[in-house]
Amino acid sequence: MAARAGFWQALGLGLIALGAAGAAWAHPHVWITWRLTPVLTGGKVVALTEDWVLDGTFSSMLMQDLAPDHPKGAPLGAAEVAGLRDHDFANLAHYDYFNQAWAGARPVRFGPAQAFTARLQGDRLVYRFTLPLADPVDLRAGPLEVGIWDTSYYVDLEPPEQGDAVSLPAGLACHAPVAPDAARPIYFGTVTPLAVRISCP
């Protein structure tokens, strides 16, 4: 678990403070709302840009750890953004930033996240980053399926309840519905996650 230092260190400290033990890990303790924007070039998906809104409690824990004297309502400074990137977000590379994708039956691999930014939206941290695909996926040959979930179920990642979860380039006859992925249950088969199916027929 050493790879989860930083991002997960703050989570663990919060659970200790709440008196959590043992079975408390059996459900999420961090909630993230995501939005997805596929980056297309010549009909191929070359990257995924994602926006994450972290829940207020976890955002507060991260800010208290990183910048306890940050003025309320003030924008994040460059050093604070770099701190979030280097000491928390970067650790998630070990888990592909909770992303998994498939082109047909073939798993799609990712490169290191790029263009990380962070900002405060009220009391919540908002991350934006771009995740390049190791091999672009040609949507003319078939759809790309993307799941954004934590297989350990420590973190609940969900699309927004209102508004579009996926932004597609204008002018293309593409579709990206979000639906339960019954073929890939998580958490010992007890939870059916949501996945995005991107197609341009």
N, C-alpha and C. Protein backbone atom coordinates (compact mmCIF):
# COMPACT_ATOMS: atom_id res chain seq x y z
N MET A 1 0.82 -1.21 0.00
CA MET A 1 0.00 0.00 0.00
C MET A 1 0.85 1.27 0.00
N ALA A 2 2.19 1.12 0.00
CA ALA A 2 3.05 2.30 0.06
C ALA A 2 2.82 3.21 -1.12
N ALA A 3 2.40 2.66 -2.26
CA ALA A 3 2.20 3.47 -3.45
C ALA A 3 1.08 4.47 -3.26
N ARG A 4 0.21 4.26 -2.27
CA ARG A 4 -0.91 5.16 -2.07
C ARG A 4 -0.59 6.26 -1.07
N ALA A 5 0.65 6.44 -0.72
CA ALA A 5 1.01 7.53 0.19
C ALA A 5 0.64 8.85 -0.46
N GLY A 6 0.32 9.84 0.34
CA GLY A 6 -0.10 11.13 -0.17
C GLY A 6 -1.61 11.18 -0.20
N PHE A 7 -2.19 10.91 -1.34
CA PHE A 7 -3.63 10.92 -1.51
C PHE A 7 -4.29 10.05 -0.46
N TRP A 8 -3.75 8.86 -0.27
CA TRP A 8 -4.38 7.90 0.64
C TRP A 8 -3.94 8.12 2.08
N GLN A 9 -2.81 8.74 2.28
CA GLN A 9 -2.41 9.06 3.64
C GLN A 9 -3.42 10.00 4.28
N ALA A 10 -3.87 10.99 3.54
CA ALA A 10 -4.87 11.91 4.07
C ALA A 10 -6.18 11.18 4.35
N LEU A 11 -6.56 10.25 3.48
CA LEU A 11 -7.77 9.48 3.71
C LEU A 11 -7.65 8.66 4.98
N GLY A 12 -6.51 7.99 5.16
CA GLY A 12 -6.32 7.16 6.34
C GLY A 12 -6.36 7.96 7.63
N LEU A 13 -5.75 9.15 7.62
CA LEU A 13 -5.77 9.99 8.81
C LEU A 13 -7.19 10.40 9.15
N GLY A 14 -7.99 10.67 8.12
CA GLY A 14 -9.37 11.05 8.37
C GLY A 14 -10.17 9.93 8.98
N LEU A 15 -9.94 8.70 8.53
CA LEU A 15 -10.67 7.57 9.08
C LEU A 15 -10.29 7.31 10.53
N ILE A 16 -8.99 7.46 10.84
CA ILE A 16 -8.55 7.30 12.22
C ILE A 16 -9.24 8.32 13.11
N ALA A 17 -9.32 9.55 12.61
CA ALA A 17 -9.96 10.61 13.39
C ALA A 17 -11.43 10.32 13.64
N LEU A 18 -12.04 9.59 12.71
CA LEU A 18 -13.45 9.25 12.87
C LEU A 18 -13.65 7.97 13.67
N GLY A 19 -12.55 7.35 14.11
CA GLY A 19 -12.66 6.13 14.87
C GLY A 19 -12.94 4.93 14.01
N ALA A 20 -12.60 4.99 12.73
CA ALA A 20 -12.89 3.88 11.83
C ALA A 20 -11.96 2.73 12.11
N ALA A 21 -12.45 1.51 11.86
CA ALA A 21 -11.62 0.32 12.05
C ALA A 21 -12.16 -0.81 11.22
N GLY A 22 -11.25 -1.65 10.75
CA GLY A 22 -11.61 -2.91 10.10
C GLY A 22 -12.67 -2.78 9.04
N ALA A 23 -13.90 -3.10 9.41
CA ALA A 23 -15.00 -3.18 8.44
C ALA A 23 -15.35 -1.85 7.84
N ALA A 24 -14.83 -0.75 8.39
CA ALA A 24 -15.14 0.57 7.84
C ALA A 24 -14.63 0.70 6.42
N TRP A 25 -13.65 -0.12 6.03
CA TRP A 25 -13.12 -0.06 4.67
C TRP A 25 -14.06 -0.74 3.68
N ALA A 26 -15.17 -1.27 4.15
CA ALA A 26 -16.05 -2.04 3.27
C ALA A 26 -16.96 -1.17 2.42
N HIS A 27 -16.79 0.11 2.48
CA HIS A 27 -17.58 1.00 1.63
C HIS A 27 -16.79 2.28 1.41
N PRO A 28 -17.19 3.09 0.42
CA PRO A 28 -16.36 4.27 0.08
C PRO A 28 -16.28 5.28 1.21
N HIS A 29 -15.14 5.96 1.24
CA HIS A 29 -14.96 7.08 2.16
C HIS A 29 -14.52 8.34 1.43
N VAL A 30 -14.40 8.25 0.13
CA VAL A 30 -14.15 9.41 -0.72
C VAL A 30 -15.13 9.34 -1.87
N TRP A 31 -15.72 10.49 -2.21
CA TRP A 31 -16.67 10.55 -3.31
C TRP A 31 -16.17 11.56 -4.35
N ILE A 32 -16.17 11.13 -5.58
CA ILE A 32 -15.69 11.97 -6.67
C ILE A 32 -16.73 11.96 -7.78
N THR A 33 -17.08 13.13 -8.26
CA THR A 33 -17.95 13.27 -9.43
C THR A 33 -17.08 13.58 -10.64
N TRP A 34 -17.25 12.81 -11.70
CA TRP A 34 -16.38 12.99 -12.87
C TRP A 34 -17.17 13.40 -14.11
N ARG A 35 -16.47 14.10 -14.98
CA ARG A 35 -16.95 14.38 -16.35
C ARG A 35 -15.82 14.02 -17.30
N LEU A 36 -16.20 13.52 -18.46
CA LEU A 36 -15.24 12.96 -19.41
C LEU A 36 -15.34 13.65 -20.75
N THR A 37 -14.20 14.00 -21.33
CA THR A 37 -14.15 14.56 -22.68
C THR A 37 -13.14 13.77 -23.50
N PRO A 38 -13.60 12.93 -24.44
CA PRO A 38 -12.66 12.23 -25.31
C PRO A 38 -11.96 13.21 -26.24
N VAL A 39 -10.68 13.02 -26.44
CA VAL A 39 -9.90 13.83 -27.38
C VAL A 39 -9.73 13.02 -28.65
N LEU A 40 -10.32 13.51 -29.76
CA LEU A 40 -10.30 12.78 -31.03
C LEU A 40 -9.42 13.47 -32.05
N THR A 41 -8.68 12.67 -32.80
CA THR A 41 -7.88 13.14 -33.93
C THR A 41 -8.08 12.18 -35.08
N GLY A 42 -8.65 12.67 -36.18
CA GLY A 42 -8.85 11.83 -37.34
C GLY A 42 -9.72 10.60 -37.08
N GLY A 43 -10.73 10.76 -36.25
CA GLY A 43 -11.63 9.65 -35.95
C GLY A 43 -11.10 8.69 -34.90
N LYS A 44 -9.94 9.00 -34.32
CA LYS A 44 -9.36 8.14 -33.30
C LYS A 44 -9.34 8.85 -31.95
N VAL A 45 -9.67 8.11 -30.91
CA VAL A 45 -9.53 8.65 -29.56
C VAL A 45 -8.07 8.54 -29.16
N VAL A 46 -7.45 9.68 -28.90
CA VAL A 46 -6.03 9.69 -28.55
C VAL A 46 -5.80 9.96 -27.06
N ALA A 47 -6.83 10.48 -26.38
CA ALA A 47 -6.68 10.80 -24.96
C ALA A 47 -8.06 11.01 -24.35
N LEU A 48 -8.09 11.05 -23.03
CA LEU A 48 -9.31 11.35 -22.28
C LEU A 48 -8.99 12.52 -21.36
N THR A 49 -9.78 13.57 -21.44
CA THR A 49 -9.67 14.67 -20.48
C THR A 49 -10.77 14.51 -19.45
N GLU A 50 -10.39 14.59 -18.18
CA GLU A 50 -11.36 14.36 -17.11
C GLU A 50 -11.37 15.51 -16.12
N ASP A 51 -12.56 15.79 -15.61
CA ASP A 51 -12.75 16.74 -14.53
C ASP A 51 -13.30 15.97 -13.34
N TRP A 52 -12.62 16.08 -12.21
CA TRP A 52 -13.06 15.43 -10.98
C TRP A 52 -13.42 16.50 -9.95
N VAL A 53 -14.58 16.35 -9.34
CA VAL A 53 -14.96 17.19 -8.21
C VAL A 53 -14.91 16.31 -6.96
N LEU A 54 -13.98 16.60 -6.06
CA LEU A 54 -13.83 15.82 -4.84
C LEU A 54 -14.85 16.29 -3.80
N ASP A 55 -15.29 15.37 -2.94
CA ASP A 55 -16.26 15.74 -1.93
C ASP A 55 -15.65 16.75 -0.95
N GLY A 56 -16.52 17.47 -0.27
CA GLY A 56 -16.07 18.57 0.59
C GLY A 56 -15.18 18.13 1.73
N THR A 57 -15.51 17.00 2.36
CA THR A 57 -14.73 16.54 3.51
C THR A 57 -13.31 16.17 3.10
N PHE A 58 -13.19 15.41 2.00
CA PHE A 58 -11.86 15.00 1.57
C PHE A 58 -11.06 16.19 1.04
N SER A 59 -11.75 17.10 0.36
CA SER A 59 -11.08 18.32 -0.10
C SER A 59 -10.48 19.08 1.08
N SER A 60 -11.27 19.19 2.16
CA SER A 60 -10.80 19.90 3.35
C SER A 60 -9.58 19.21 3.96
N MET A 61 -9.59 17.87 3.98
CA MET A 61 -8.46 17.13 4.52
C MET A 61 -7.20 17.38 3.70
N LEU A 62 -7.34 17.34 2.37
CA LEU A 62 -6.18 17.57 1.52
C LEU A 62 -5.65 18.99 1.70
N MET A 63 -6.54 19.97 1.75
CA MET A 63 -6.09 21.35 1.91
C MET A 63 -5.46 21.57 3.28
N GLN A 64 -6.01 20.96 4.30
CA GLN A 64 -5.43 21.10 5.63
C GLN A 64 -4.02 20.52 5.67
N ASP A 65 -3.82 19.42 4.96
CA ASP A 65 -2.51 18.79 4.92
C ASP A 65 -1.53 19.61 4.08
N LEU A 66 -2.02 20.16 2.97
CA LEU A 66 -1.15 20.86 2.03
C LEU A 66 -0.93 22.31 2.39
N ALA A 67 -2.03 23.01 2.70
CA ALA A 67 -1.95 24.46 2.91
C ALA A 67 -2.94 24.88 3.99
N PRO A 68 -2.61 24.59 5.25
CA PRO A 68 -3.56 24.87 6.34
C PRO A 68 -3.88 26.35 6.50
N ASP A 69 -3.03 27.23 6.00
CA ASP A 69 -3.26 28.67 6.14
C ASP A 69 -3.84 29.30 4.87
N HIS A 70 -4.31 28.46 3.95
CA HIS A 70 -4.85 29.01 2.71
C HIS A 70 -6.09 29.87 3.02
N PRO A 71 -6.13 31.12 2.55
CA PRO A 71 -7.28 31.99 2.82
C PRO A 71 -8.56 31.45 2.18
N LYS A 72 -9.62 31.41 2.95
CA LYS A 72 -10.89 30.90 2.45
C LYS A 72 -11.36 31.77 1.27
N GLY A 73 -11.74 31.10 0.19
CA GLY A 73 -12.24 31.81 -0.99
C GLY A 73 -11.17 32.24 -1.96
N ALA A 74 -9.91 32.13 -1.58
CA ALA A 74 -8.81 32.54 -2.47
C ALA A 74 -8.51 31.43 -3.46
N PRO A 75 -8.08 31.78 -4.67
CA PRO A 75 -7.71 30.75 -5.64
C PRO A 75 -6.44 30.03 -5.20
N LEU A 76 -6.26 28.84 -5.72
CA LEU A 76 -5.04 28.09 -5.44
C LEU A 76 -3.86 28.75 -6.14
N GLY A 77 -2.73 28.78 -5.46
CA GLY A 77 -1.52 29.28 -6.07
C GLY A 77 -0.80 28.17 -6.82
N ALA A 78 0.18 28.55 -7.62
CA ALA A 78 0.91 27.58 -8.43
C ALA A 78 1.59 26.54 -7.56
N ALA A 79 2.14 26.94 -6.42
CA ALA A 79 2.82 25.98 -5.54
C ALA A 79 1.82 25.00 -4.94
N GLU A 80 0.62 25.46 -4.65
CA GLU A 80 -0.40 24.57 -4.09
C GLU A 80 -0.87 23.56 -5.13
N VAL A 81 -1.06 24.02 -6.35
CA VAL A 81 -1.44 23.10 -7.44
C VAL A 81 -0.35 22.06 -7.64
N ALA A 82 0.91 22.51 -7.64
CA ALA A 82 2.02 21.57 -7.81
C ALA A 82 2.08 20.58 -6.65
N GLY A 83 1.77 21.03 -5.45
CA GLY A 83 1.76 20.14 -4.30
C GLY A 83 0.70 19.06 -4.41
N LEU A 84 -0.50 19.45 -4.83
CA LEU A 84 -1.56 18.46 -5.04
C LEU A 84 -1.16 17.45 -6.11
N ARG A 85 -0.54 17.96 -7.17
CA ARG A 85 -0.13 17.08 -8.26
C ARG A 85 0.96 16.11 -7.81
N ASP A 86 1.98 16.62 -7.16
CA ASP A 86 3.16 15.81 -6.88
C ASP A 86 2.99 14.89 -5.67
N HIS A 87 2.22 15.33 -4.67
CA HIS A 87 2.15 14.57 -3.43
C HIS A 87 0.88 13.75 -3.28
N ASP A 88 -0.11 14.00 -4.12
CA ASP A 88 -1.36 13.25 -4.01
C ASP A 88 -1.76 12.64 -5.34
N PHE A 89 -2.03 13.45 -6.32
CA PHE A 89 -2.55 12.95 -7.59
C PHE A 89 -1.57 12.01 -8.29
N ALA A 90 -0.28 12.33 -8.28
CA ALA A 90 0.71 11.53 -9.00
C ALA A 90 0.74 10.08 -8.54
N ASN A 91 0.40 9.83 -7.28
CA ASN A 91 0.40 8.47 -6.76
C ASN A 91 -0.63 7.58 -7.46
N LEU A 92 -1.66 8.19 -8.03
CA LEU A 92 -2.71 7.40 -8.66
C LEU A 92 -2.28 6.84 -10.01
N ALA A 93 -1.08 7.19 -10.48
CA ALA A 93 -0.57 6.59 -11.71
C ALA A 93 -0.48 5.08 -11.57
N HIS A 94 -0.24 4.60 -10.36
CA HIS A 94 -0.14 3.16 -10.12
C HIS A 94 -1.46 2.44 -10.41
N TYR A 95 -2.54 3.19 -10.45
CA TYR A 95 -3.87 2.62 -10.65
C TYR A 95 -4.54 3.19 -11.90
N ASP A 96 -3.72 3.72 -12.82
CA ASP A 96 -4.25 4.33 -14.04
C ASP A 96 -5.32 5.37 -13.72
N TYR A 97 -5.15 6.06 -12.59
CA TYR A 97 -6.07 7.14 -12.21
C TYR A 97 -7.52 6.65 -12.18
N PHE A 98 -7.70 5.39 -11.77
CA PHE A 98 -9.01 4.74 -11.66
C PHE A 98 -9.69 4.57 -13.02
N ASN A 99 -8.92 4.62 -14.09
CA ASN A 99 -9.47 4.44 -15.43
C ASN A 99 -9.18 3.04 -15.94
N GLN A 100 -10.14 2.48 -16.66
CA GLN A 100 -9.95 1.26 -17.41
C GLN A 100 -10.73 1.41 -18.71
N ALA A 101 -10.19 0.83 -19.78
CA ALA A 101 -10.84 1.00 -21.08
C ALA A 101 -10.61 -0.24 -21.93
N TRP A 102 -11.52 -0.42 -22.87
CA TRP A 102 -11.46 -1.57 -23.76
C TRP A 102 -11.89 -1.16 -25.16
N ALA A 103 -11.18 -1.68 -26.15
CA ALA A 103 -11.59 -1.57 -27.55
C ALA A 103 -11.97 -2.98 -27.97
N GLY A 104 -13.27 -3.26 -27.99
CA GLY A 104 -13.70 -4.63 -28.15
C GLY A 104 -13.29 -5.41 -26.90
N ALA A 105 -12.61 -6.55 -27.10
CA ALA A 105 -12.14 -7.34 -25.96
C ALA A 105 -10.73 -6.95 -25.53
N ARG A 106 -10.12 -6.00 -26.23
CA ARG A 106 -8.73 -5.64 -25.97
C ARG A 106 -8.64 -4.53 -24.92
N PRO A 107 -7.93 -4.78 -23.81
CA PRO A 107 -7.71 -3.70 -22.85
C PRO A 107 -6.88 -2.58 -23.46
N VAL A 108 -7.23 -1.37 -23.14
CA VAL A 108 -6.52 -0.19 -23.63
C VAL A 108 -5.63 0.33 -22.51
N ARG A 109 -4.38 0.60 -22.82
CA ARG A 109 -3.43 1.09 -21.83
C ARG A 109 -3.31 2.61 -21.92
N PHE A 110 -2.82 3.20 -20.82
CA PHE A 110 -2.68 4.65 -20.73
C PHE A 110 -1.24 5.04 -20.49
N GLY A 111 -0.91 6.26 -20.92
CA GLY A 111 0.36 6.86 -20.57
C GLY A 111 0.18 7.72 -19.33
N PRO A 112 1.25 8.35 -18.85
CA PRO A 112 1.16 9.23 -17.68
C PRO A 112 0.21 10.40 -17.92
N ALA A 113 -0.50 10.79 -16.89
CA ALA A 113 -1.42 11.92 -16.99
C ALA A 113 -0.66 13.20 -17.31
N GLN A 114 -1.30 14.07 -18.06
CA GLN A 114 -0.70 15.33 -18.49
C GLN A 114 -1.63 16.49 -18.13
N ALA A 115 -1.07 17.69 -18.16
CA ALA A 115 -1.83 18.94 -18.04
C ALA A 115 -2.70 18.97 -16.79
N PHE A 116 -2.17 18.52 -15.66
CA PHE A 116 -2.93 18.54 -14.42
C PHE A 116 -3.13 19.97 -13.94
N THR A 117 -4.36 20.28 -13.56
CA THR A 117 -4.66 21.56 -12.91
C THR A 117 -5.61 21.28 -11.75
N ALA A 118 -5.68 22.20 -10.82
CA ALA A 118 -6.60 22.08 -9.70
C ALA A 118 -7.11 23.46 -9.35
N ARG A 119 -8.33 23.51 -8.87
CA ARG A 119 -8.93 24.76 -8.44
C ARG A 119 -9.93 24.45 -7.33
N LEU A 120 -10.33 25.47 -6.62
CA LEU A 120 -11.37 25.34 -5.61
C LEU A 120 -12.70 25.81 -6.17
N GLN A 121 -13.72 25.00 -5.94
CA GLN A 121 -15.09 25.36 -6.31
C GLN A 121 -15.89 25.35 -5.01
N GLY A 122 -16.01 26.51 -4.38
CA GLY A 122 -16.54 26.55 -3.04
C GLY A 122 -15.57 25.85 -2.10
N ASP A 123 -16.05 24.81 -1.40
CA ASP A 123 -15.17 24.07 -0.49
C ASP A 123 -14.65 22.79 -1.11
N ARG A 124 -14.82 22.64 -2.42
CA ARG A 124 -14.43 21.40 -3.08
C ARG A 124 -13.27 21.61 -4.04
N LEU A 125 -12.35 20.67 -4.03
CA LEU A 125 -11.27 20.68 -5.00
C LEU A 125 -11.76 20.10 -6.32
N VAL A 126 -11.35 20.73 -7.40
CA VAL A 126 -11.68 20.24 -8.75
C VAL A 126 -10.36 20.00 -9.48
N TYR A 127 -10.19 18.76 -9.91
CA TYR A 127 -9.01 18.40 -10.69
C TYR A 127 -9.39 18.31 -12.16
N ARG A 128 -8.46 18.69 -13.03
CA ARG A 128 -8.59 18.44 -14.46
C ARG A 128 -7.26 17.90 -14.96
N PHE A 129 -7.33 16.86 -15.78
CA PHE A 129 -6.12 16.27 -16.33
C PHE A 129 -6.46 15.55 -17.63
N THR A 130 -5.43 15.27 -18.41
CA THR A 130 -5.60 14.54 -19.67
C THR A 130 -4.80 13.25 -19.59
N LEU A 131 -5.46 12.15 -19.95
CA LEU A 131 -4.87 10.83 -19.87
C LEU A 131 -4.70 10.30 -21.29
N PRO A 132 -3.47 10.28 -21.83
CA PRO A 132 -3.27 9.80 -23.20
C PRO A 132 -3.41 8.29 -23.30
N LEU A 133 -3.96 7.82 -24.40
CA LEU A 133 -4.01 6.39 -24.67
C LEU A 133 -2.67 5.95 -25.25
N ALA A 134 -2.16 4.83 -24.80
CA ALA A 134 -0.89 4.33 -25.32
C ALA A 134 -1.01 4.05 -26.82
N ASP A 135 -2.16 3.55 -27.24
CA ASP A 135 -2.44 3.30 -28.65
C ASP A 135 -3.80 3.90 -28.96
N PRO A 136 -3.89 4.88 -29.88
CA PRO A 136 -5.17 5.48 -30.21
C PRO A 136 -6.18 4.42 -30.66
N VAL A 137 -7.44 4.68 -30.36
CA VAL A 137 -8.53 3.76 -30.72
C VAL A 137 -9.34 4.37 -31.84
N ASP A 138 -9.40 3.67 -32.97
CA ASP A 138 -10.14 4.12 -34.14
C ASP A 138 -11.61 3.76 -33.95
N LEU A 139 -12.44 4.77 -33.73
CA LEU A 139 -13.86 4.52 -33.48
C LEU A 139 -14.59 4.01 -34.72
N ARG A 140 -13.98 4.16 -35.89
CA ARG A 140 -14.59 3.63 -37.10
C ARG A 140 -14.52 2.11 -37.14
N ALA A 141 -13.63 1.54 -36.33
CA ALA A 141 -13.51 0.09 -36.26
C ALA A 141 -14.33 -0.52 -35.14
N GLY A 142 -14.85 0.32 -34.26
CA GLY A 142 -15.64 -0.17 -33.14
C GLY A 142 -15.59 0.79 -31.98
N PRO A 143 -16.46 0.60 -30.99
CA PRO A 143 -16.55 1.53 -29.87
C PRO A 143 -15.40 1.39 -28.88
N LEU A 144 -15.24 2.44 -28.09
CA LEU A 144 -14.32 2.44 -26.96
C LEU A 144 -15.16 2.47 -25.69
N GLU A 145 -14.92 1.54 -24.79
CA GLU A 145 -15.61 1.52 -23.50
C GLU A 145 -14.67 2.02 -22.43
N VAL A 146 -15.15 2.93 -21.60
CA VAL A 146 -14.33 3.53 -20.55
C VAL A 146 -15.06 3.40 -19.22
N GLY A 147 -14.36 2.85 -18.24
CA GLY A 147 -14.89 2.79 -16.89
C GLY A 147 -14.00 3.60 -15.97
N ILE A 148 -14.61 4.40 -15.12
CA ILE A 148 -13.87 5.20 -14.15
C ILE A 148 -14.34 4.74 -12.77
N TRP A 149 -13.59 3.81 -12.19
CA TRP A 149 -14.00 3.28 -10.90
C TRP A 149 -12.79 2.72 -10.15
N ASP A 150 -12.94 2.64 -8.84
CA ASP A 150 -11.92 2.07 -7.97
C ASP A 150 -12.32 0.64 -7.66
N THR A 151 -11.54 -0.33 -8.13
CA THR A 151 -11.90 -1.73 -7.94
C THR A 151 -11.89 -2.14 -6.48
N SER A 152 -11.17 -1.40 -5.63
CA SER A 152 -11.14 -1.72 -4.21
C SER A 152 -12.34 -1.11 -3.47
N TYR A 153 -13.03 -0.19 -4.14
CA TYR A 153 -14.24 0.44 -3.60
C TYR A 153 -13.97 1.32 -2.38
N TYR A 154 -12.73 1.82 -2.26
CA TYR A 154 -12.46 2.84 -1.25
C TYR A 154 -13.02 4.19 -1.70
N VAL A 155 -13.03 4.39 -3.01
CA VAL A 155 -13.45 5.66 -3.59
C VAL A 155 -14.65 5.41 -4.50
N ASP A 156 -15.67 6.20 -4.33
CA ASP A 156 -16.85 6.12 -5.19
C ASP A 156 -16.72 7.20 -6.26
N LEU A 157 -16.61 6.78 -7.50
CA LEU A 157 -16.52 7.70 -8.63
C LEU A 157 -17.78 7.56 -9.47
N GLU A 158 -18.50 8.64 -9.64
CA GLU A 158 -19.77 8.62 -10.34
C GLU A 158 -19.89 9.81 -11.27
N PRO A 159 -20.66 9.68 -12.35
CA PRO A 159 -20.94 10.84 -13.20
C PRO A 159 -21.90 11.78 -12.48
N PRO A 160 -22.04 12.99 -12.96
CA PRO A 160 -22.96 13.94 -12.31
C PRO A 160 -24.40 13.49 -12.42
N GLU A 161 -25.20 13.82 -11.42
CA GLU A 161 -26.62 13.48 -11.46
C GLU A 161 -27.36 14.36 -12.45
N GLN A 162 -26.87 15.55 -12.67
CA GLN A 162 -27.48 16.47 -13.63
C GLN A 162 -26.43 16.96 -14.61
N GLY A 163 -26.86 17.21 -15.83
CA GLY A 163 -25.95 17.67 -16.86
C GLY A 163 -25.27 16.51 -17.55
N ASP A 164 -24.52 16.83 -18.58
CA ASP A 164 -23.87 15.80 -19.38
C ASP A 164 -22.63 15.27 -18.67
N ALA A 165 -22.50 13.94 -18.68
CA ALA A 165 -21.31 13.32 -18.12
C ALA A 165 -20.17 13.28 -19.13
N VAL A 166 -20.53 13.29 -20.41
CA VAL A 166 -19.53 13.17 -21.47
C VAL A 166 -19.72 14.30 -22.47
N SER A 167 -18.64 14.98 -22.79
CA SER A 167 -18.67 16.04 -23.80
C SER A 167 -17.99 15.51 -25.07
N LEU A 168 -18.73 15.53 -26.17
CA LEU A 168 -18.21 15.04 -27.44
C LEU A 168 -17.92 16.19 -28.37
N PRO A 169 -16.94 16.03 -29.26
CA PRO A 169 -16.63 17.11 -30.21
C PRO A 169 -17.84 17.45 -31.07
N ALA A 170 -18.05 18.73 -31.31
CA ALA A 170 -19.16 19.16 -32.15
C ALA A 170 -18.92 18.74 -33.59
N GLY A 171 -20.01 18.48 -34.29
CA GLY A 171 -19.91 18.17 -35.71
C GLY A 171 -19.70 16.71 -36.03
N LEU A 172 -19.59 15.86 -35.01
CA LEU A 172 -19.41 14.44 -35.25
C LEU A 172 -20.65 13.68 -34.79
N ALA A 173 -21.04 12.68 -35.57
CA ALA A 173 -22.21 11.87 -35.23
C ALA A 173 -21.80 10.78 -34.24
N CYS A 174 -21.39 11.20 -33.07
CA CYS A 174 -20.91 10.26 -32.06
C CYS A 174 -21.90 10.17 -30.91
N HIS A 175 -21.81 9.07 -30.19
CA HIS A 175 -22.68 8.84 -29.03
C HIS A 175 -21.82 8.33 -27.88
N ALA A 176 -22.22 8.65 -26.66
CA ALA A 176 -21.44 8.22 -25.50
C ALA A 176 -22.38 8.01 -24.31
N PRO A 177 -23.27 7.02 -24.38
CA PRO A 177 -24.15 6.76 -23.25
C PRO A 177 -23.39 6.19 -22.05
N VAL A 178 -23.90 6.50 -20.86
CA VAL A 178 -23.36 5.96 -19.62
C VAL A 178 -24.37 4.94 -19.10
N ALA A 179 -23.91 3.72 -18.86
CA ALA A 179 -24.83 2.66 -18.45
C ALA A 179 -24.12 1.68 -17.53
N PRO A 180 -24.88 0.92 -16.73
CA PRO A 180 -24.27 -0.09 -15.87
C PRO A 180 -23.49 -1.11 -16.70
N ASP A 181 -22.32 -1.48 -16.20
CA ASP A 181 -21.47 -2.46 -16.87
C ASP A 181 -21.58 -3.78 -16.12
N ALA A 182 -22.61 -4.55 -16.45
CA ALA A 182 -22.88 -5.79 -15.73
C ALA A 182 -21.79 -6.84 -15.97
N ALA A 183 -21.02 -6.69 -17.03
CA ALA A 183 -19.98 -7.68 -17.34
C ALA A 183 -18.74 -7.52 -16.47
N ARG A 184 -18.64 -6.40 -15.76
CA ARG A 184 -17.42 -6.14 -14.99
C ARG A 184 -17.76 -5.67 -13.57
N PRO A 185 -18.41 -6.49 -12.78
CA PRO A 185 -18.73 -6.08 -11.41
C PRO A 185 -17.47 -5.90 -10.58
N ILE A 186 -17.56 -5.03 -9.57
CA ILE A 186 -16.43 -4.75 -8.70
C ILE A 186 -16.80 -5.09 -7.26
N TYR A 187 -15.81 -4.95 -6.39
CA TYR A 187 -15.98 -5.21 -4.96
C TYR A 187 -16.61 -6.58 -4.71
N PHE A 188 -15.87 -7.59 -5.13
CA PHE A 188 -16.26 -8.98 -4.94
C PHE A 188 -17.59 -9.30 -5.60
N GLY A 189 -17.87 -8.61 -6.70
CA GLY A 189 -19.07 -8.89 -7.46
C GLY A 189 -20.35 -8.30 -6.92
N THR A 190 -20.25 -7.42 -5.91
CA THR A 190 -21.46 -6.88 -5.28
C THR A 190 -21.90 -5.54 -5.85
N VAL A 191 -21.02 -4.89 -6.65
CA VAL A 191 -21.34 -3.56 -7.18
C VAL A 191 -21.18 -3.57 -8.69
N THR A 192 -22.21 -3.08 -9.38
CA THR A 192 -22.14 -2.94 -10.84
C THR A 192 -21.77 -1.50 -11.16
N PRO A 193 -20.57 -1.26 -11.69
CA PRO A 193 -20.15 0.11 -11.97
C PRO A 193 -20.76 0.64 -13.26
N LEU A 194 -20.57 1.92 -13.49
CA LEU A 194 -21.03 2.55 -14.72
C LEU A 194 -19.87 2.67 -15.70
N ALA A 195 -20.18 2.54 -16.98
CA ALA A 195 -19.16 2.68 -18.01
C ALA A 195 -19.72 3.53 -19.15
N VAL A 196 -18.81 4.17 -19.88
CA VAL A 196 -19.15 4.99 -21.04
C VAL A 196 -18.82 4.19 -22.30
N ARG A 197 -19.73 4.17 -23.25
CA ARG A 197 -19.50 3.48 -24.52
C ARG A 197 -19.47 4.55 -25.62
N ILE A 198 -18.28 4.83 -26.12
CA ILE A 198 -18.09 5.90 -27.10
C ILE A 198 -18.08 5.27 -28.50
N SER A 199 -18.97 5.72 -29.36
CA SER A 199 -19.03 5.19 -30.72
C SER A 199 -19.34 6.30 -31.70
N CYS A 200 -18.82 6.14 -32.89
CA CYS A 200 -19.08 7.10 -33.97
C CYS A 200 -19.45 6.29 -35.22
N PRO A 201 -20.71 5.83 -35.29
CA PRO A 201 -21.12 4.96 -36.41
C PRO A 201 -21.13 5.69 -37.73
